Amino acid sequence: MNNNITYSSPFPPSFVFGVAAASAQIEGAAFTDGKGESIWDRFCRIPGKVAHGDTLDTAVDHYHRFDEDFALMASLGVKHYRLSIAWPRIYPNGDGDINQAGIDFYRRLLDSMARHGITPWVTLFHWDLPQALEDRGGWTSRETVDAFARYADTVVKALGDVVKNWITLNEIRCFTVLAYGVGLKAPGRKESAAVVNQTYHHALLAHGHAVRAVREFGGPGARVGLTDNCDVCVPVTETPEDIAAAKAWFLEKNAHILGAIHGRGYSKDYLDRVGADAPTVQAGDFELISLPTDFLGLNIYTATYVRAGHNGQGYEALALPPNYPRADSTWLNLVPQAIYWASRMCHELYGHASIYITENGCGYNDEQVVNGEVIDLHRRDYVRNHLREAHRAIADGVPVDGYFLWSFIDNFEWEDGYERRFGIVHCDYQTLQRTPKLSARYYAHVMRTRTVV
C-alpha cells in the first residue's frame, strides 16, 4: 500500500467525473405521453408507505426541464451524467406494445445532452418496474426476466447509436430483499427467504440479458457493466489479520450477487447457508449471468468495521457507538474508507480491471436557501473525504476509473419522499427553482482542477 499519498496530485487524465440521478426520482410526468404505472407510482398511494404521502407525479419536473438542467450541469463543468430509462415509458404494461412517445422523449433528452457536451451513462433498470408486471408476480416470476430481455433489446436498439456506456441494473439488493423481503421499498411485500432468493436469481438473469443486448445491438464502442451496492467492510486496523478477516466477511456477504456472477454459479458455502431456500436454477442460466462485462459500478455510501475474530479465527463485525457520525439518512453512517476498501476488494477478489463509483453521496434534511446560497459544508466534507479515498485507491493500483456524485439535484428519495435531500443542486419543490449548493461549487472546482483540495 502507498502510505505517502499526495492528495493534491491530480487524478489521471482519463478519470471520469460525473453526476447521477434516476428517472423515477426526477422526471415527474408520471402519467404523461403514454407512460404506464410503475410499482412506485402505486406504492406512493398506499397510506404510510412514503413520508408525507409524497408521490412521483411531478418530482422535479425534469421531463419538461431537462434542457435547463443540462445547461446547469454544463455551467458546473459536468461532462458525464448517469441517468436511467423508465421502463414504463417504453413498455407501459411491461411488455406488449412499445410506447413510441417514450423512445422519442429519451431521444430528445440525449440530443440535449449532446448539445451541452455531456456524455450519457444509461442505466436500464433503476427500480421503476411496470406495475402490470408486478401484478403478474414481479421479480418473483421468471416472466419478468423475459419481459426485461425484450425491453433491454428495444432500448439498446433504439438508443445504441448515441449511448455507449450502459449499466444493466441498479442495486439488486434494493429491488429484491428490501422490496420483497423487508417490504420497505415498492412493492412492499414480505415473502419467505426462498422467494427472496429467487428474486436475486431473476435479477441476475436480467443482468445477463442486458449484457447480451448490449453485445448484440450496442454497436462499435459499446461498454456494459452492473452497478452493485455490495456490502462493504473496512478492517479496523490495516494489519494482515484484520484485512484477511475483512476479505472473509466481504466474500460471505456478497456471495449471492458478485460471487455468483464471477464464480459462474452459487458457491458451496452460500448453498450450505441457505439450504432448502436456495434458488431454482435452470440449465444455461449461469452462461447468461456470467457473460463478461467491461466494468463494475459500485454505489458506495457506508460500511461495517470488521476485525479478526478471537485467536485470529474468522471475523468479528463491530457495532457502531450511538454517537458515531451519520447523515440524516439513518442508514448512512459516514465511513469514507468504504470507497477504498470496496474497490480494492472487488479488484483483488473478483479481478475487476475497471471500476466506477457510480453513486456516492449523503442525504440531509431541511437545507435552506439563504441569500441565494445553501451552505452544505457537511456534504462538501463528505465528498472531499470520499474522493481522497478514491485517490488513495488509484495510488495503490486499484483501477478506479471514475466517480459519479449522487445526486445532481434534490429529488424523490423513495420511502423518504422529498424530506431527504441528496442533491448538490437545491430544488424548491413549490417553485421548482434550482439553486446550486456550496457542494456544487466545490465539486465544480474538483472537476476543473482534477484535484481534491
Protein backbone atom coordinates (compact mmCIF):
# COMPACT_ATOMS: atom_id res chain seq x y z
CA MET A 1 0.00 0.00 0.00
CA ASN A 2 1.07 3.55 -0.70
CA ASN A 3 1.22 5.40 2.61
CA ASN A 4 2.82 8.54 1.16
CA ILE A 5 -0.16 9.95 -0.73
CA THR A 6 -0.14 13.49 -2.06
CA TYR A 7 -3.83 14.31 -2.33
CA SER A 8 -3.10 17.48 -4.26
CA SER A 9 -1.71 15.45 -7.17
CA PRO A 10 -4.24 15.27 -9.99
CA PHE A 11 -6.49 12.37 -10.82
CA PRO A 12 -5.44 10.58 -14.02
CA PRO A 13 -6.38 12.37 -17.27
CA SER A 14 -8.77 9.56 -18.19
CA PHE A 15 -10.58 9.62 -14.84
CA VAL A 16 -14.31 10.32 -15.28
CA PHE A 17 -16.04 12.84 -13.01
CA GLY A 18 -19.83 12.94 -13.24
CA VAL A 19 -23.17 13.25 -11.51
CA ALA A 20 -26.08 10.84 -11.32
CA ALA A 21 -29.86 10.68 -10.98
CA ALA A 22 -32.67 8.24 -11.81
CA SER A 23 -35.77 8.55 -13.97
CA ALA A 24 -38.43 7.90 -11.34
CA GLN A 25 -36.85 10.29 -8.86
CA ILE A 26 -36.57 13.35 -11.08
CA GLU A 27 -38.70 13.14 -14.21
CA GLY A 28 -42.23 13.58 -12.90
CA ALA A 29 -44.80 13.41 -15.74
CA ALA A 30 -45.74 10.10 -14.16
CA PHE A 31 -48.72 9.53 -16.46
CA THR A 32 -47.77 11.74 -19.42
CA ASP A 33 -47.38 10.74 -23.09
CA GLY A 34 -48.45 7.17 -22.58
CA LYS A 35 -46.24 6.24 -19.64
CA GLY A 36 -47.60 3.31 -17.67
CA GLU A 37 -47.93 2.98 -13.91
CA SER A 38 -44.80 1.86 -12.06
CA ILE A 39 -44.69 -0.01 -8.78
CA TRP A 40 -43.53 3.22 -7.13
CA ASP A 41 -46.50 5.13 -8.56
CA ARG A 42 -48.73 2.56 -6.85
CA PHE A 43 -46.66 2.25 -3.65
CA CYS A 44 -46.75 6.01 -3.05
CA ARG A 45 -50.52 5.88 -2.83
CA ILE A 46 -50.58 3.31 -0.04
CA PRO A 47 -51.01 5.28 3.21
CA GLY A 48 -47.94 5.22 5.42
CA LYS A 49 -45.51 3.82 2.86
CA VAL A 50 -43.86 7.08 1.79
CA ALA A 51 -43.12 10.06 4.02
CA HIS A 52 -45.85 12.71 3.91
CA GLY A 53 -47.68 10.77 1.22
CA ASP A 54 -45.29 12.19 -1.40
CA THR A 55 -45.63 10.94 -4.97
CA LEU A 56 -43.56 10.85 -8.15
CA ASP A 57 -46.22 12.72 -10.11
CA THR A 58 -44.18 15.92 -10.54
CA ALA A 59 -40.85 15.19 -8.81
CA VAL A 60 -38.54 17.99 -10.04
CA ASP A 61 -40.22 18.05 -13.49
CA HIS A 62 -37.04 17.02 -15.32
CA TYR A 63 -39.33 15.64 -18.04
CA HIS A 64 -40.12 19.20 -19.10
CA ARG A 65 -36.96 20.93 -17.81
CA PHE A 66 -34.15 18.64 -18.94
CA ASP A 67 -32.64 21.22 -21.28
CA GLU A 68 -32.48 23.73 -18.41
CA ASP A 69 -30.95 21.07 -16.18
CA PHE A 70 -28.29 20.12 -18.72
CA ALA A 71 -27.40 23.78 -19.19
CA LEU A 72 -26.90 24.00 -15.42
CA MET A 73 -24.78 20.83 -15.44
CA ALA A 74 -22.63 22.26 -18.21
CA SER A 75 -22.19 25.53 -16.31
CA LEU A 76 -20.72 23.50 -13.42
CA GLY A 77 -18.36 21.67 -15.74
CA VAL A 78 -20.18 18.33 -15.70
CA LYS A 79 -19.10 16.21 -18.67
CA HIS A 80 -20.65 12.86 -17.69
CA TYR A 81 -24.15 12.12 -16.44
CA ARG A 82 -25.54 8.80 -15.26
CA LEU A 83 -29.28 8.56 -15.90
CA SER A 84 -31.83 5.78 -16.18
CA ILE A 85 -34.58 4.86 -18.61
CA ALA A 86 -38.09 4.46 -17.20
CA TRP A 87 -39.24 1.00 -18.27
CA PRO A 88 -42.95 2.03 -18.05
CA ARG A 89 -42.31 4.85 -20.55
CA ILE A 90 -41.12 2.32 -23.13
CA TYR A 91 -43.50 -0.55 -22.33
CA PRO A 92 -46.42 0.81 -20.28
CA ASN A 93 -47.50 -2.74 -19.44
CA GLY A 94 -44.01 -4.15 -19.11
CA ASP A 95 -44.31 -5.99 -22.41
CA GLY A 96 -46.80 -5.84 -25.25
CA ASP A 97 -46.87 -2.67 -27.35
CA ILE A 98 -43.99 -0.19 -27.41
CA ASN A 99 -44.82 3.39 -26.47
CA GLN A 100 -43.02 5.34 -29.20
CA ALA A 101 -43.52 8.59 -27.29
CA GLY A 102 -41.22 7.20 -24.59
CA ILE A 103 -38.46 6.44 -27.08
CA ASP A 104 -38.93 9.90 -28.60
CA PHE A 105 -38.60 11.55 -25.17
CA TYR A 106 -35.26 9.92 -24.47
CA ARG A 107 -34.09 10.82 -27.97
CA ARG A 108 -34.83 14.49 -27.23
CA LEU A 109 -33.14 14.21 -23.85
CA LEU A 110 -29.99 12.63 -25.30
CA ASP A 111 -29.88 15.22 -28.07
CA SER A 112 -29.94 17.94 -25.42
CA MET A 113 -27.09 16.26 -23.54
CA ALA A 114 -25.04 16.18 -26.74
CA ARG A 115 -25.65 19.88 -27.34
CA HIS A 116 -24.34 20.61 -23.85
CA GLY A 117 -21.29 18.39 -24.22
CA ILE A 118 -22.40 15.77 -21.69
CA THR A 119 -21.73 12.05 -22.18
CA PRO A 120 -24.59 9.71 -21.15
CA TRP A 121 -24.17 6.66 -18.93
CA VAL A 122 -27.51 4.88 -19.14
CA THR A 123 -28.93 2.50 -16.54
CA LEU A 124 -31.58 0.20 -17.98
CA PHE A 125 -33.35 -0.53 -14.68
CA HIS A 126 -33.42 1.70 -11.62
CA TRP A 127 -36.32 0.19 -9.64
CA ASP A 128 -39.37 1.52 -11.55
CA LEU A 129 -40.86 -1.84 -12.56
CA PRO A 130 -44.10 -1.56 -14.55
CA GLN A 131 -47.00 -2.27 -12.19
CA ALA A 132 -48.56 -4.57 -14.77
CA LEU A 133 -45.60 -6.94 -14.36
CA GLU A 134 -45.84 -6.77 -10.57
CA ASP A 135 -49.48 -7.80 -10.90
CA ARG A 136 -48.18 -10.97 -12.57
CA GLY A 137 -45.59 -11.66 -9.86
CA GLY A 138 -42.90 -9.03 -10.36
CA TRP A 139 -39.36 -10.17 -9.65
CA THR A 140 -40.65 -13.38 -8.06
CA SER A 141 -41.65 -14.51 -11.57
CA ARG A 142 -39.39 -15.57 -14.41
CA GLU A 143 -41.85 -13.86 -16.78
CA THR A 144 -40.38 -10.54 -15.61
CA VAL A 145 -36.96 -11.68 -16.82
CA ASP A 146 -38.38 -12.41 -20.26
CA ALA A 147 -40.10 -9.02 -20.35
CA PHE A 148 -36.88 -7.30 -19.30
CA ALA A 149 -34.95 -9.06 -22.05
CA ARG A 150 -37.31 -7.63 -24.65
CA TYR A 151 -37.20 -4.19 -23.04
CA ALA A 152 -33.38 -4.19 -22.98
CA ASP A 153 -33.22 -5.22 -26.63
CA THR A 154 -35.64 -2.43 -27.55
CA VAL A 155 -33.80 0.32 -25.70
CA VAL A 156 -30.32 -0.64 -26.86
CA LYS A 157 -31.50 -0.92 -30.48
CA ALA A 158 -33.25 2.46 -30.26
CA LEU A 159 -30.51 4.43 -28.47
CA GLY A 160 -27.31 2.49 -29.06
CA ASP A 161 -26.10 4.84 -31.79
CA VAL A 162 -25.64 7.63 -29.21
CA VAL A 163 -25.26 5.70 -25.92
CA LYS A 164 -22.01 3.79 -25.49
CA ASN A 165 -21.88 3.37 -21.70
CA TRP A 166 -24.58 1.03 -20.40
CA ILE A 167 -25.40 -0.12 -16.87
CA THR A 168 -27.60 -3.18 -16.61
CA LEU A 169 -29.31 -2.84 -13.21
CA ASN A 170 -29.07 -0.60 -10.18
CA GLU A 171 -28.63 -2.15 -6.73
CA ILE A 172 -30.10 -5.64 -6.92
CA ARG A 173 -30.43 -5.83 -3.11
CA CYS A 174 -32.78 -2.86 -3.00
CA PHE A 175 -35.35 -4.11 -5.50
CA THR A 176 -35.20 -7.70 -4.19
CA VAL A 177 -34.76 -8.21 -0.45
CA LEU A 178 -35.79 -4.69 0.60
CA ALA A 179 -38.82 -4.84 -1.69
CA TYR A 180 -39.92 -8.47 -1.40
CA GLY A 181 -38.45 -9.49 1.97
CA VAL A 182 -38.37 -6.48 4.29
CA GLY A 183 -41.20 -4.66 2.50
CA LEU A 184 -39.52 -1.27 2.86
CA LYS A 185 -39.46 -0.46 -0.85
CA ALA A 186 -42.01 -0.97 -3.61
CA PRO A 187 -43.92 -3.21 -3.97
CA GLY A 188 -43.68 -3.63 -0.18
CA ARG A 189 -44.03 -7.41 0.05
CA LYS A 190 -42.77 -9.66 2.84
CA GLU A 191 -42.07 -13.02 1.31
CA SER A 192 -40.14 -16.06 2.53
CA ALA A 193 -36.38 -16.41 2.26
CA ALA A 194 -36.84 -18.89 -0.58
CA VAL A 195 -38.89 -16.40 -2.59
CA VAL A 196 -36.43 -13.59 -1.92
CA ASN A 197 -33.51 -15.77 -3.02
CA GLN A 198 -35.39 -16.48 -6.23
CA THR A 199 -35.78 -12.74 -6.87
CA TYR A 200 -31.99 -12.43 -6.60
CA HIS A 201 -31.63 -15.10 -9.25
CA HIS A 202 -34.14 -13.49 -11.57
CA ALA A 203 -32.32 -10.17 -11.21
CA LEU A 204 -29.04 -11.86 -12.12
CA LEU A 205 -30.69 -13.28 -15.23
CA ALA A 206 -31.93 -9.81 -16.17
CA HIS A 207 -28.39 -8.51 -15.79
CA GLY A 208 -27.21 -11.24 -18.15
CA HIS A 209 -29.84 -10.32 -20.72
CA ALA A 210 -28.80 -6.67 -20.58
CA VAL A 211 -25.17 -7.62 -21.22
CA ARG A 212 -26.30 -9.79 -24.13
CA ALA A 213 -28.43 -6.96 -25.54
CA VAL A 214 -25.50 -4.53 -25.50
CA ARG A 215 -23.22 -7.08 -27.14
CA GLU A 216 -25.78 -7.80 -29.86
CA PHE A 217 -27.17 -4.32 -30.53
CA GLY A 218 -24.87 -1.76 -28.89
CA GLY A 219 -22.66 -1.20 -31.92
CA PRO A 220 -18.99 -0.23 -32.02
CA GLY A 221 -17.53 1.03 -28.77
CA ALA A 222 -20.42 -0.10 -26.56
CA ARG A 223 -19.48 -0.93 -22.97
CA VAL A 224 -21.59 -2.50 -20.24
CA GLY A 225 -21.44 -3.30 -16.54
CA LEU A 226 -23.53 -3.89 -13.44
CA THR A 227 -23.99 -1.31 -10.67
CA ASP A 228 -23.96 -3.08 -7.30
CA ASN A 229 -24.40 -1.77 -3.79
CA CYS A 230 -22.23 -4.50 -2.37
CA ASP A 231 -21.97 -4.94 1.36
CA VAL A 232 -18.75 -3.14 2.29
CA CYS A 233 -16.46 -3.59 5.26
CA VAL A 234 -13.40 -1.75 6.50
CA PRO A 235 -10.68 -3.52 8.50
CA VAL A 236 -10.31 -1.86 11.88
CA THR A 237 -6.53 -1.89 11.52
CA GLU A 238 -4.67 -2.39 8.27
CA THR A 239 -2.89 -5.48 9.53
CA PRO A 240 -2.78 -8.77 7.65
CA GLU A 241 -5.10 -10.34 10.24
CA ASP A 242 -7.82 -7.70 10.03
CA ILE A 243 -7.55 -7.43 6.25
CA ALA A 244 -7.96 -11.20 5.94
CA ALA A 245 -10.98 -11.05 8.23
CA ALA A 246 -12.49 -8.26 6.15
CA LYS A 247 -12.00 -10.27 2.96
CA ALA A 248 -13.73 -13.28 4.51
CA TRP A 249 -16.66 -11.07 5.57
CA PHE A 250 -16.84 -9.49 2.10
CA LEU A 251 -16.88 -12.84 0.29
CA GLU A 252 -19.65 -14.17 2.53
CA LYS A 253 -21.89 -11.10 2.37
CA ASN A 254 -21.60 -10.73 -1.41
CA ALA A 255 -21.73 -14.38 -2.41
CA HIS A 256 -25.26 -14.25 -3.85
CA ILE A 257 -24.57 -11.42 -6.34
CA LEU A 258 -20.96 -10.62 -7.16
CA GLY A 259 -19.78 -14.04 -6.02
CA ALA A 260 -22.39 -15.82 -8.14
CA ILE A 261 -21.64 -13.75 -11.25
CA HIS A 262 -17.88 -14.21 -11.06
CA GLY A 263 -17.96 -17.75 -9.74
CA ARG A 264 -20.24 -18.83 -12.61
CA GLY A 265 -22.63 -20.26 -10.05
CA TYR A 266 -23.54 -20.21 -6.37
CA SER A 267 -20.72 -21.27 -4.07
CA LYS A 268 -20.98 -24.32 -1.86
CA ASP A 269 -20.70 -22.09 1.23
CA TYR A 270 -23.65 -20.00 0.06
CA LEU A 271 -25.77 -23.02 -0.80
CA ASP A 272 -24.96 -24.60 2.56
CA ARG A 273 -26.05 -21.41 4.33
CA VAL A 274 -29.39 -21.06 2.53
CA GLY A 275 -30.15 -24.79 2.44
CA ALA A 276 -33.68 -25.55 1.24
CA ASP A 277 -34.19 -21.84 0.46
CA ALA A 278 -31.71 -21.94 -2.43
CA PRO A 279 -32.98 -20.50 -5.73
CA THR A 280 -34.08 -22.72 -8.58
CA VAL A 281 -31.53 -22.64 -11.39
CA GLN A 282 -32.26 -23.78 -14.94
CA ALA A 283 -29.78 -25.17 -17.43
CA GLY A 284 -27.87 -22.37 -19.13
CA ASP A 285 -28.67 -19.71 -16.53
CA PHE A 286 -25.11 -19.06 -15.49
CA GLU A 287 -23.81 -18.98 -19.05
CA LEU A 288 -26.02 -15.90 -19.39
CA ILE A 289 -25.43 -14.48 -15.91
CA SER A 290 -21.66 -14.76 -16.22
CA LEU A 291 -21.24 -13.07 -19.59
CA PRO A 292 -18.12 -10.86 -19.40
CA THR A 293 -18.63 -7.18 -18.64
CA ASP A 294 -16.41 -4.17 -19.27
CA PHE A 295 -16.57 -2.57 -15.85
CA LEU A 296 -18.18 -2.81 -12.42
CA GLY A 297 -20.18 0.06 -10.98
CA LEU A 298 -20.17 0.44 -7.20
CA ASN A 299 -22.67 2.52 -5.25
CA ILE A 300 -20.81 3.35 -2.06
CA TYR A 301 -22.37 5.08 0.92
CA THR A 302 -21.33 3.38 4.15
CA ALA A 303 -19.58 0.33 5.61
CA THR A 304 -19.20 -2.06 8.53
CA TYR A 305 -16.00 -2.23 10.58
CA VAL A 306 -14.50 -5.73 10.81
CA ARG A 307 -11.59 -7.24 12.71
CA ALA A 308 -10.12 -10.69 13.16
CA GLY A 309 -12.04 -12.99 15.45
CA HIS A 310 -10.77 -14.46 18.69
CA ASN A 311 -7.47 -16.30 18.33
CA GLY A 312 -7.27 -14.99 14.78
CA GLN A 313 -10.18 -17.14 13.61
CA GLY A 314 -12.83 -15.76 11.26
CA TYR A 315 -14.10 -12.22 11.60
CA GLU A 316 -15.93 -10.02 14.06
CA ALA A 317 -18.21 -7.22 12.82
CA LEU A 318 -18.31 -4.27 15.21
CA ALA A 319 -21.41 -2.32 16.18
CA LEU A 320 -21.09 1.45 15.90
CA PRO A 321 -21.39 3.56 19.07
CA PRO A 322 -24.54 5.70 19.37
CA ASN A 323 -22.74 8.96 18.58
CA TYR A 324 -20.88 7.70 15.52
CA PRO A 325 -21.32 10.38 12.80
CA ARG A 326 -24.04 9.82 10.22
CA ALA A 327 -26.20 11.73 7.78
CA ASP A 328 -29.92 12.33 8.36
CA SER A 329 -30.48 9.11 6.43
CA THR A 330 -30.41 6.79 9.43
CA TRP A 331 -28.65 4.03 7.48
CA LEU A 332 -25.88 6.33 6.25
CA ASN A 333 -23.02 6.18 8.71
CA LEU A 334 -20.05 8.20 7.49
CA VAL A 335 -17.22 5.80 6.63
CA PRO A 336 -15.14 7.36 3.82
CA GLN A 337 -12.75 4.38 3.74
CA ALA A 338 -15.64 2.42 2.23
CA ILE A 339 -14.66 3.58 -1.27
CA TYR A 340 -11.08 2.42 -0.85
CA TRP A 341 -11.91 -1.00 0.55
CA ALA A 342 -14.90 -1.77 -1.68
CA SER A 343 -12.94 -1.06 -4.84
CA ARG A 344 -9.81 -2.78 -3.61
CA MET A 345 -11.67 -5.94 -2.60
CA CYS A 346 -13.61 -6.15 -5.87
CA HIS A 347 -10.34 -5.81 -7.74
CA GLU A 348 -8.44 -8.34 -5.63
CA LEU A 349 -11.21 -10.90 -5.05
CA TYR A 350 -13.10 -10.80 -8.36
CA GLY A 351 -10.47 -9.47 -10.74
CA HIS A 352 -12.27 -6.33 -11.89
CA ALA A 353 -10.00 -4.37 -14.19
CA SER A 354 -12.20 -1.26 -14.37
CA ILE A 355 -14.31 0.11 -11.52
CA TYR A 356 -16.53 3.19 -11.43
CA ILE A 357 -18.06 4.66 -8.31
CA THR A 358 -21.50 5.07 -9.86
CA GLU A 359 -23.04 6.62 -6.75
CA ASN A 360 -21.67 8.30 -3.65
CA GLY A 361 -23.47 10.97 -1.67
CA CYS A 362 -25.29 11.87 1.53
CA GLY A 363 -28.85 12.78 2.48
CA TYR A 364 -29.70 15.64 4.81
CA ASN A 365 -32.96 17.37 5.72
CA ASP A 366 -34.05 20.99 5.86
CA GLU A 367 -31.39 22.61 3.70
CA GLN A 368 -32.46 26.21 3.30
CA VAL A 369 -31.59 28.72 0.60
CA VAL A 370 -30.31 31.86 2.37
CA ASN A 371 -29.28 34.86 0.30
CA GLY A 372 -29.15 32.66 -2.77
CA GLU A 373 -26.91 30.02 -1.17
CA VAL A 374 -27.11 26.65 0.54
CA ILE A 375 -24.07 26.27 2.78
CA ASP A 376 -23.93 22.46 2.89
CA LEU A 377 -20.48 22.10 4.38
CA HIS A 378 -21.38 18.62 5.67
CA ARG A 379 -21.86 17.44 2.07
CA ARG A 380 -18.71 19.22 0.92
CA ASP A 381 -16.72 17.35 3.57
CA TYR A 382 -18.41 14.06 2.69
CA VAL A 383 -17.46 14.43 -0.98
CA ARG A 384 -13.94 15.58 -0.19
CA ASN A 385 -13.23 12.74 2.21
CA HIS A 386 -14.59 10.09 -0.11
CA LEU A 387 -12.70 11.42 -3.12
CA ARG A 388 -9.50 11.28 -1.08
CA GLU A 389 -10.14 7.57 -0.54
CA ALA A 390 -10.75 7.07 -4.28
CA HIS A 391 -7.46 8.87 -4.91
CA ARG A 392 -5.74 6.61 -2.43
CA ALA A 393 -7.14 3.51 -4.16
CA ILE A 394 -5.76 4.67 -7.51
CA ALA A 395 -2.38 5.33 -5.91
CA ASP A 396 -2.40 1.74 -4.63
CA GLY A 397 -3.03 0.36 -8.10
CA VAL A 398 -6.79 -0.20 -7.83
CA PRO A 399 -8.40 0.54 -11.22
CA VAL A 400 -10.92 3.16 -10.10
CA ASP A 401 -11.71 4.90 -13.38
CA GLY A 402 -14.48 7.31 -12.42
CA TYR A 403 -16.77 8.83 -9.81
CA PHE A 404 -20.43 9.88 -10.13
CA LEU A 405 -21.73 12.07 -7.33
CA TRP A 406 -25.25 11.27 -6.13
CA SER A 407 -27.14 13.27 -6.84
CA PHE A 408 -27.25 16.13 -9.28
CA ILE A 409 -30.42 17.60 -7.79
CA ASP A 410 -32.64 17.09 -4.75
CA ASN A 411 -35.36 14.63 -5.68
CA PHE A 412 -37.80 11.94 -4.59
CA GLU A 413 -35.84 9.81 -2.13
CA TRP A 414 -38.02 6.69 -2.30
CA GLU A 415 -39.73 5.90 1.04
CA ASP A 416 -38.32 9.15 2.49
CA GLY A 417 -40.17 11.19 -0.13
CA TYR A 418 -38.95 14.76 -0.56
CA GLU A 419 -37.86 15.13 3.05
CA ARG A 420 -34.35 13.80 2.41
CA ARG A 421 -32.10 15.85 0.13
CA PHE A 422 -29.11 14.29 -1.65
CA GLY A 423 -28.57 16.90 -4.37
CA ILE A 424 -25.69 19.25 -4.95
CA VAL A 425 -28.38 21.45 -6.54
CA HIS A 426 -31.24 22.54 -4.30
CA CYS A 427 -34.79 22.26 -5.63
CA ASP A 428 -37.61 24.34 -4.18
CA TYR A 429 -40.44 21.83 -4.50
CA GLN A 430 -43.05 24.59 -4.67
CA THR A 431 -41.48 26.73 -7.40
CA LEU A 432 -39.06 24.12 -8.83
CA GLN A 433 -36.32 26.76 -8.70
CA ARG A 434 -32.84 25.24 -8.96
CA THR A 435 -30.03 26.65 -6.77
CA PRO A 436 -26.51 25.17 -6.83
CA LYS A 437 -25.29 24.49 -3.29
CA LEU A 438 -21.83 25.13 -1.92
CA SER A 439 -21.07 21.46 -2.58
CA ALA A 440 -21.82 22.01 -6.28
CA ARG A 441 -19.30 24.85 -6.44
CA TYR A 442 -16.75 22.71 -4.60
CA TYR A 443 -17.28 19.74 -6.92
CA ALA A 444 -17.05 22.04 -9.95
CA HIS A 445 -13.60 23.07 -8.69
CA VAL A 446 -12.59 19.42 -8.28
CA MET A 447 -13.74 18.57 -11.81
CA ARG A 448 -11.98 21.60 -13.28
CA THR A 449 -8.64 21.07 -11.50
CA ARG A 450 -8.89 17.27 -11.21
CA THR A 451 -7.57 17.57 -7.66
CA VAL A 452 -9.07 17.21 -4.18
CA VAL A 453 -8.34 20.29 -2.16
